[in-house]
């Protein structure tokens, strides 16, 4: 089993599997938006200087997240 890392440790165009969330309040909001544990996400864009992330779900939905929100998504 590989070590869990945050989304912020990866580059654009990488496909990742969501495992859990390090922050429960952010995690509950992300789950209501369709980012669920076990789901596949792709990093579409990363803004410079810790500006934010654009993630795409398997269903094609795109979400723009702050750096701190993306940091709480633990992936494999």
N, C-alpha and C. Protein backbone atom coordinates (compact mmCIF):
# COMPACT_ATOMS: atom_id res chain seq x y z
N UNK A 1 0.85 -1.18 0.00
CA UNK A 1 0.00 0.00 0.00
C UNK A 1 0.89 1.23 0.00
N UNK A 2 0.59 2.17 -0.88
CA UNK A 2 1.41 3.37 -0.96
C UNK A 2 1.00 4.38 0.12
N UNK A 3 1.89 5.30 0.38
CA UNK A 3 1.67 6.32 1.39
C UNK A 3 0.69 7.37 0.87
N UNK A 4 -0.21 7.81 1.74
CA UNK A 4 -1.17 8.85 1.35
C UNK A 4 -0.48 10.20 1.36
N UNK A 5 -0.77 11.00 0.33
CA UNK A 5 -0.24 12.35 0.21
C UNK A 5 -1.39 13.28 -0.14
N UNK A 6 -1.17 14.54 0.05
CA UNK A 6 -2.16 15.55 -0.30
C UNK A 6 -2.12 15.83 -1.80
N UNK A 7 -3.21 16.33 -2.33
CA UNK A 7 -3.30 16.70 -3.74
C UNK A 7 -2.22 17.72 -4.11
N UNK A 8 -1.83 18.56 -3.17
CA UNK A 8 -0.87 19.61 -3.46
C UNK A 8 0.52 19.07 -3.82
N UNK A 9 0.77 17.80 -3.56
CA UNK A 9 2.07 17.19 -3.87
C UNK A 9 2.16 16.67 -5.30
N UNK A 10 1.14 16.86 -6.10
CA UNK A 10 1.10 16.31 -7.45
C UNK A 10 1.05 17.41 -8.50
N UNK A 11 1.26 17.04 -9.75
CA UNK A 11 1.32 17.99 -10.86
C UNK A 11 0.03 17.97 -11.67
N UNK A 12 -0.08 18.94 -12.58
CA UNK A 12 -1.23 19.00 -13.48
C UNK A 12 -1.31 17.73 -14.33
N UNK A 13 -2.51 17.34 -14.68
CA UNK A 13 -2.84 16.18 -15.53
C UNK A 13 -2.71 14.84 -14.83
N UNK A 14 -2.36 14.82 -13.55
CA UNK A 14 -2.27 13.54 -12.85
C UNK A 14 -3.65 13.09 -12.40
N UNK A 15 -3.90 11.78 -12.54
CA UNK A 15 -5.14 11.19 -12.07
C UNK A 15 -4.88 10.53 -10.73
N UNK A 16 -5.76 10.81 -9.77
CA UNK A 16 -5.56 10.36 -8.40
C UNK A 16 -6.85 9.78 -7.85
N UNK A 17 -6.73 8.90 -6.87
CA UNK A 17 -7.88 8.32 -6.19
C UNK A 17 -7.98 8.95 -4.80
N UNK A 18 -9.12 9.53 -4.49
CA UNK A 18 -9.35 10.16 -3.19
C UNK A 18 -9.48 9.06 -2.14
N UNK A 19 -8.73 9.19 -1.05
CA UNK A 19 -8.80 8.22 0.04
C UNK A 19 -9.56 8.75 1.25
N UNK A 20 -9.21 9.96 1.70
CA UNK A 20 -9.91 10.57 2.83
C UNK A 20 -9.58 12.05 2.88
N UNK A 21 -10.00 12.71 3.95
CA UNK A 21 -9.79 14.15 4.11
C UNK A 21 -9.14 14.41 5.46
N UNK A 22 -8.16 15.31 5.49
CA UNK A 22 -7.48 15.62 6.74
C UNK A 22 -8.26 16.63 7.59
N UNK A 23 -9.19 17.34 6.98
CA UNK A 23 -10.02 18.32 7.68
C UNK A 23 -11.48 17.92 7.48
N UNK A 24 -12.16 17.58 8.58
CA UNK A 24 -13.53 17.07 8.48
C UNK A 24 -14.52 18.09 7.92
N UNK A 25 -14.41 19.36 8.30
CA UNK A 25 -15.38 20.35 7.81
C UNK A 25 -15.20 20.59 6.31
N UNK A 26 -13.96 20.67 5.86
CA UNK A 26 -13.71 20.82 4.42
C UNK A 26 -14.13 19.54 3.70
N UNK A 27 -13.84 18.40 4.30
CA UNK A 27 -14.20 17.11 3.70
C UNK A 27 -15.69 16.97 3.48
N UNK A 28 -16.49 17.41 4.44
CA UNK A 28 -17.95 17.29 4.28
C UNK A 28 -18.45 18.19 3.15
N UNK A 29 -17.85 19.38 3.00
CA UNK A 29 -18.24 20.26 1.89
C UNK A 29 -17.83 19.67 0.55
N UNK A 30 -16.62 19.09 0.49
CA UNK A 30 -16.16 18.49 -0.76
C UNK A 30 -17.01 17.27 -1.13
N UNK A 31 -17.41 16.49 -0.14
CA UNK A 31 -18.26 15.32 -0.43
C UNK A 31 -19.62 15.76 -0.96
N UNK A 32 -20.14 16.88 -0.47
CA UNK A 32 -21.42 17.38 -0.98
C UNK A 32 -21.29 17.88 -2.42
N UNK A 33 -20.06 18.21 -2.84
CA UNK A 33 -19.80 18.65 -4.21
C UNK A 33 -19.38 17.51 -5.13
N UNK A 34 -19.33 16.28 -4.61
CA UNK A 34 -19.04 15.14 -5.47
C UNK A 34 -17.65 14.56 -5.36
N UNK A 35 -16.80 15.08 -4.49
CA UNK A 35 -15.47 14.50 -4.28
C UNK A 35 -15.61 13.54 -3.11
N UNK A 36 -15.78 12.27 -3.42
CA UNK A 36 -16.02 11.24 -2.41
C UNK A 36 -14.81 10.33 -2.28
N UNK A 37 -14.61 9.74 -1.09
CA UNK A 37 -13.54 8.76 -0.97
C UNK A 37 -13.75 7.62 -1.97
N UNK A 38 -12.68 7.26 -2.65
CA UNK A 38 -12.76 6.21 -3.67
C UNK A 38 -12.96 6.74 -5.08
N UNK A 39 -13.27 8.02 -5.21
CA UNK A 39 -13.51 8.58 -6.55
C UNK A 39 -12.20 9.01 -7.21
N UNK A 40 -12.21 9.02 -8.52
CA UNK A 40 -11.05 9.39 -9.33
C UNK A 40 -11.14 10.86 -9.68
N UNK A 41 -10.05 11.61 -9.46
CA UNK A 41 -10.01 13.02 -9.83
C UNK A 41 -8.77 13.28 -10.68
N UNK A 42 -8.83 14.32 -11.48
CA UNK A 42 -7.71 14.75 -12.30
C UNK A 42 -7.40 16.19 -11.95
N UNK A 43 -6.12 16.51 -11.80
CA UNK A 43 -5.73 17.89 -11.57
C UNK A 43 -5.69 18.59 -12.92
N UNK A 44 -6.61 19.51 -13.14
CA UNK A 44 -6.69 20.24 -14.41
C UNK A 44 -5.70 21.39 -14.46
N UNK A 45 -5.72 22.23 -13.45
CA UNK A 45 -4.86 23.41 -13.41
C UNK A 45 -4.40 23.67 -11.98
N UNK A 46 -3.21 24.25 -11.86
CA UNK A 46 -2.69 24.70 -10.57
C UNK A 46 -2.28 26.16 -10.73
N UNK A 47 -2.87 27.02 -9.92
CA UNK A 47 -2.54 28.44 -9.98
C UNK A 47 -1.18 28.68 -9.32
N UNK A 48 -0.42 29.64 -9.80
CA UNK A 48 0.88 29.91 -9.21
C UNK A 48 0.77 30.53 -7.81
N UNK A 49 1.83 30.39 -7.05
CA UNK A 49 1.95 30.99 -5.73
C UNK A 49 0.83 30.59 -4.77
N UNK A 50 0.52 29.31 -4.74
CA UNK A 50 -0.50 28.75 -3.84
C UNK A 50 -1.86 29.40 -4.02
N UNK A 51 -2.19 29.69 -5.28
CA UNK A 51 -3.44 30.36 -5.59
C UNK A 51 -4.65 29.44 -5.56
N UNK A 52 -4.51 28.20 -6.00
CA UNK A 52 -5.64 27.29 -6.00
C UNK A 52 -5.47 26.18 -7.01
N UNK A 53 -6.46 25.30 -7.03
CA UNK A 53 -6.44 24.12 -7.88
C UNK A 53 -7.77 23.99 -8.61
N UNK A 54 -7.73 23.50 -9.84
CA UNK A 54 -8.93 23.13 -10.56
C UNK A 54 -8.89 21.62 -10.72
N UNK A 55 -9.88 20.95 -10.15
CA UNK A 55 -9.96 19.49 -10.20
C UNK A 55 -11.13 19.07 -11.06
N UNK A 56 -10.98 17.95 -11.74
CA UNK A 56 -12.05 17.40 -12.58
C UNK A 56 -12.40 16.02 -12.06
N UNK A 57 -13.70 15.77 -11.86
CA UNK A 57 -14.14 14.46 -11.40
C UNK A 57 -14.34 13.53 -12.59
N UNK A 58 -14.57 12.28 -12.29
CA UNK A 58 -14.77 11.28 -13.34
C UNK A 58 -16.01 11.59 -14.18
N UNK A 59 -17.00 12.26 -13.58
CA UNK A 59 -18.22 12.61 -14.30
C UNK A 59 -18.07 13.87 -15.14
N UNK A 60 -16.88 14.50 -15.10
CA UNK A 60 -16.64 15.68 -15.91
C UNK A 60 -16.86 17.00 -15.19
N UNK A 61 -17.30 16.94 -13.93
CA UNK A 61 -17.52 18.15 -13.15
C UNK A 61 -16.18 18.77 -12.77
N UNK A 62 -16.06 20.09 -12.93
CA UNK A 62 -14.83 20.78 -12.56
C UNK A 62 -15.07 21.63 -11.32
N UNK A 63 -14.11 21.58 -10.40
CA UNK A 63 -14.21 22.34 -9.16
C UNK A 63 -12.95 23.17 -8.97
N UNK A 64 -13.14 24.43 -8.62
CA UNK A 64 -12.03 25.31 -8.29
C UNK A 64 -11.93 25.37 -6.77
N UNK A 65 -10.76 25.03 -6.24
CA UNK A 65 -10.57 24.98 -4.80
C UNK A 65 -9.41 25.88 -4.38
N UNK A 66 -9.52 26.43 -3.18
CA UNK A 66 -8.40 27.15 -2.60
C UNK A 66 -7.29 26.16 -2.27
N UNK A 67 -6.09 26.67 -2.13
CA UNK A 67 -4.94 25.82 -1.79
C UNK A 67 -5.20 25.04 -0.49
N UNK A 68 -5.75 25.71 0.53
CA UNK A 68 -5.99 25.07 1.82
C UNK A 68 -7.04 23.96 1.72
N UNK A 69 -8.03 24.13 0.84
CA UNK A 69 -9.04 23.08 0.65
C UNK A 69 -8.43 21.89 -0.06
N UNK A 70 -7.64 22.15 -1.10
CA UNK A 70 -6.99 21.06 -1.84
C UNK A 70 -6.01 20.32 -0.95
N UNK A 71 -5.38 21.02 -0.04
CA UNK A 71 -4.40 20.42 0.87
C UNK A 71 -5.03 19.35 1.76
N UNK A 72 -6.32 19.46 2.02
CA UNK A 72 -6.99 18.51 2.91
C UNK A 72 -7.43 17.22 2.19
N UNK A 73 -7.30 17.16 0.86
CA UNK A 73 -7.68 15.96 0.11
C UNK A 73 -6.49 15.00 0.07
N UNK A 74 -6.63 13.86 0.73
CA UNK A 74 -5.58 12.87 0.77
C UNK A 74 -5.84 11.84 -0.33
N UNK A 75 -4.82 11.60 -1.15
CA UNK A 75 -4.98 10.75 -2.34
C UNK A 75 -3.89 9.67 -2.39
N UNK A 76 -4.09 8.77 -3.32
CA UNK A 76 -3.13 7.68 -3.55
C UNK A 76 -2.87 7.56 -5.02
